[in-house]
């Protein structure tokens, strides 16, 4: 059995199942959480929320938001590469690394 066949037959873990249930609940009741038209829109909200929680405002907030948005494609590429390498090496994938 090759790796592709193996991954198609894997059962989702408890965290993935919980996330699926949460999305299904949000689809049934939009008041539970905001829905997005695109992934970009979702990332914009998440980035802005984190920056505001960090206490940034005004020009500093805009500057940091733009910096992160500009670096996002590189960060996603690095994350994909790291995850793929860890998977190929049979390692557990960890997401505790700061991407920006």
Protein backbone atom coordinates (compact mmCIF):
# COMPACT_ATOMS: atom_id res chain seq x y z
CA UNK A 1 0.00 0.00 0.00
CA UNK A 2 1.50 3.36 -0.93
CA UNK A 3 1.26 6.49 1.22
CA UNK A 4 -1.52 7.97 -0.91
CA UNK A 5 -3.73 4.91 -0.37
CA UNK A 6 -2.96 4.93 3.33
CA UNK A 7 -3.99 8.56 3.87
CA UNK A 8 -7.27 8.08 2.02
CA UNK A 9 -8.28 5.32 4.45
CA UNK A 10 -7.29 7.03 7.70
CA UNK A 11 -9.98 7.87 10.23
CA UNK A 12 -10.04 11.51 11.36
CA UNK A 13 -8.77 12.11 14.88
CA UNK A 14 -11.00 13.49 17.65
CA UNK A 15 -9.89 17.09 17.03
CA UNK A 16 -10.77 16.86 13.32
CA UNK A 17 -14.15 15.30 14.08
CA UNK A 18 -14.88 18.09 16.58
CA UNK A 19 -13.92 20.74 13.99
CA UNK A 20 -16.23 19.13 11.42
CA UNK A 21 -19.09 19.15 13.93
CA UNK A 22 -18.43 22.80 14.74
CA UNK A 23 -18.54 23.77 11.05
CA UNK A 24 -21.76 21.82 10.55
CA UNK A 25 -23.34 23.59 13.54
CA UNK A 26 -22.24 26.98 12.20
CA UNK A 27 -23.77 26.20 8.81
CA UNK A 28 -27.09 25.40 10.49
CA UNK A 29 -26.99 28.48 12.75
CA UNK A 30 -24.91 31.39 11.35
CA UNK A 31 -25.33 33.31 14.62
CA UNK A 32 -22.77 30.91 16.18
CA UNK A 33 -19.93 32.39 14.16
CA UNK A 34 -19.10 34.49 11.16
CA UNK A 35 -19.08 32.89 7.74
CA UNK A 36 -16.65 33.90 5.01
CA UNK A 37 -16.80 34.14 1.25
CA UNK A 38 -13.09 33.35 0.90
CA UNK A 39 -10.10 32.05 2.81
CA UNK A 40 -8.39 35.41 2.29
CA UNK A 41 -11.26 37.17 4.05
CA UNK A 42 -11.03 34.72 6.95
CA UNK A 43 -7.25 35.19 7.26
CA UNK A 44 -7.66 38.97 7.20
CA UNK A 45 -10.06 38.78 10.14
CA UNK A 46 -7.85 36.36 12.07
CA UNK A 47 -4.73 38.47 11.54
CA UNK A 48 -6.49 41.69 12.49
CA UNK A 49 -8.03 40.09 15.59
CA UNK A 50 -4.62 38.86 16.79
CA UNK A 51 -3.00 42.25 16.21
CA UNK A 52 -5.76 44.10 18.07
CA UNK A 53 -5.49 41.61 20.94
CA UNK A 54 -1.75 42.38 20.99
CA UNK A 55 -2.66 46.04 21.60
CA UNK A 56 -1.79 47.47 18.20
CA UNK A 57 -3.79 50.35 16.79
CA UNK A 58 -3.67 53.09 14.19
CA UNK A 59 -0.73 53.22 11.80
CA UNK A 60 1.16 50.55 13.74
CA UNK A 61 -1.79 48.17 13.32
CA UNK A 62 -1.99 48.83 9.57
CA UNK A 63 1.78 48.50 9.11
CA UNK A 64 1.94 45.16 10.94
CA UNK A 65 -1.17 43.87 9.13
CA UNK A 66 0.42 44.66 5.75
CA UNK A 67 3.72 43.06 6.80
CA UNK A 68 2.00 39.83 7.80
CA UNK A 69 -0.19 39.78 4.67
CA UNK A 70 2.91 40.23 2.50
CA UNK A 71 4.70 37.38 4.29
CA UNK A 72 1.70 35.04 4.34
CA UNK A 73 2.48 33.20 1.06
CA UNK A 74 6.03 32.44 2.25
CA UNK A 75 4.77 31.34 5.67
CA UNK A 76 2.20 28.99 4.10
CA UNK A 77 4.84 27.53 1.78
CA UNK A 78 7.17 26.95 4.74
CA UNK A 79 4.39 25.32 6.75
CA UNK A 80 3.46 23.02 3.85
CA UNK A 81 7.10 22.06 3.38
CA UNK A 82 7.61 21.39 7.09
CA UNK A 83 4.44 19.29 7.33
CA UNK A 84 5.34 17.29 4.23
CA UNK A 85 8.87 16.62 5.48
CA UNK A 86 7.64 15.57 8.91
CA UNK A 87 5.04 13.27 7.33
CA UNK A 88 7.65 11.71 5.04
CA UNK A 89 9.90 11.11 8.05
CA UNK A 90 7.05 9.55 10.04
CA UNK A 91 7.14 12.37 12.58
CA UNK A 92 4.23 13.91 14.43
CA UNK A 93 3.32 17.24 12.94
CA UNK A 94 3.65 20.11 15.43
CA UNK A 95 2.08 23.54 14.92
CA UNK A 96 3.59 25.47 17.81
CA UNK A 97 6.14 27.36 15.70
CA UNK A 98 5.68 31.09 15.11
CA UNK A 99 5.27 31.63 11.37
CA UNK A 100 5.71 35.40 11.23
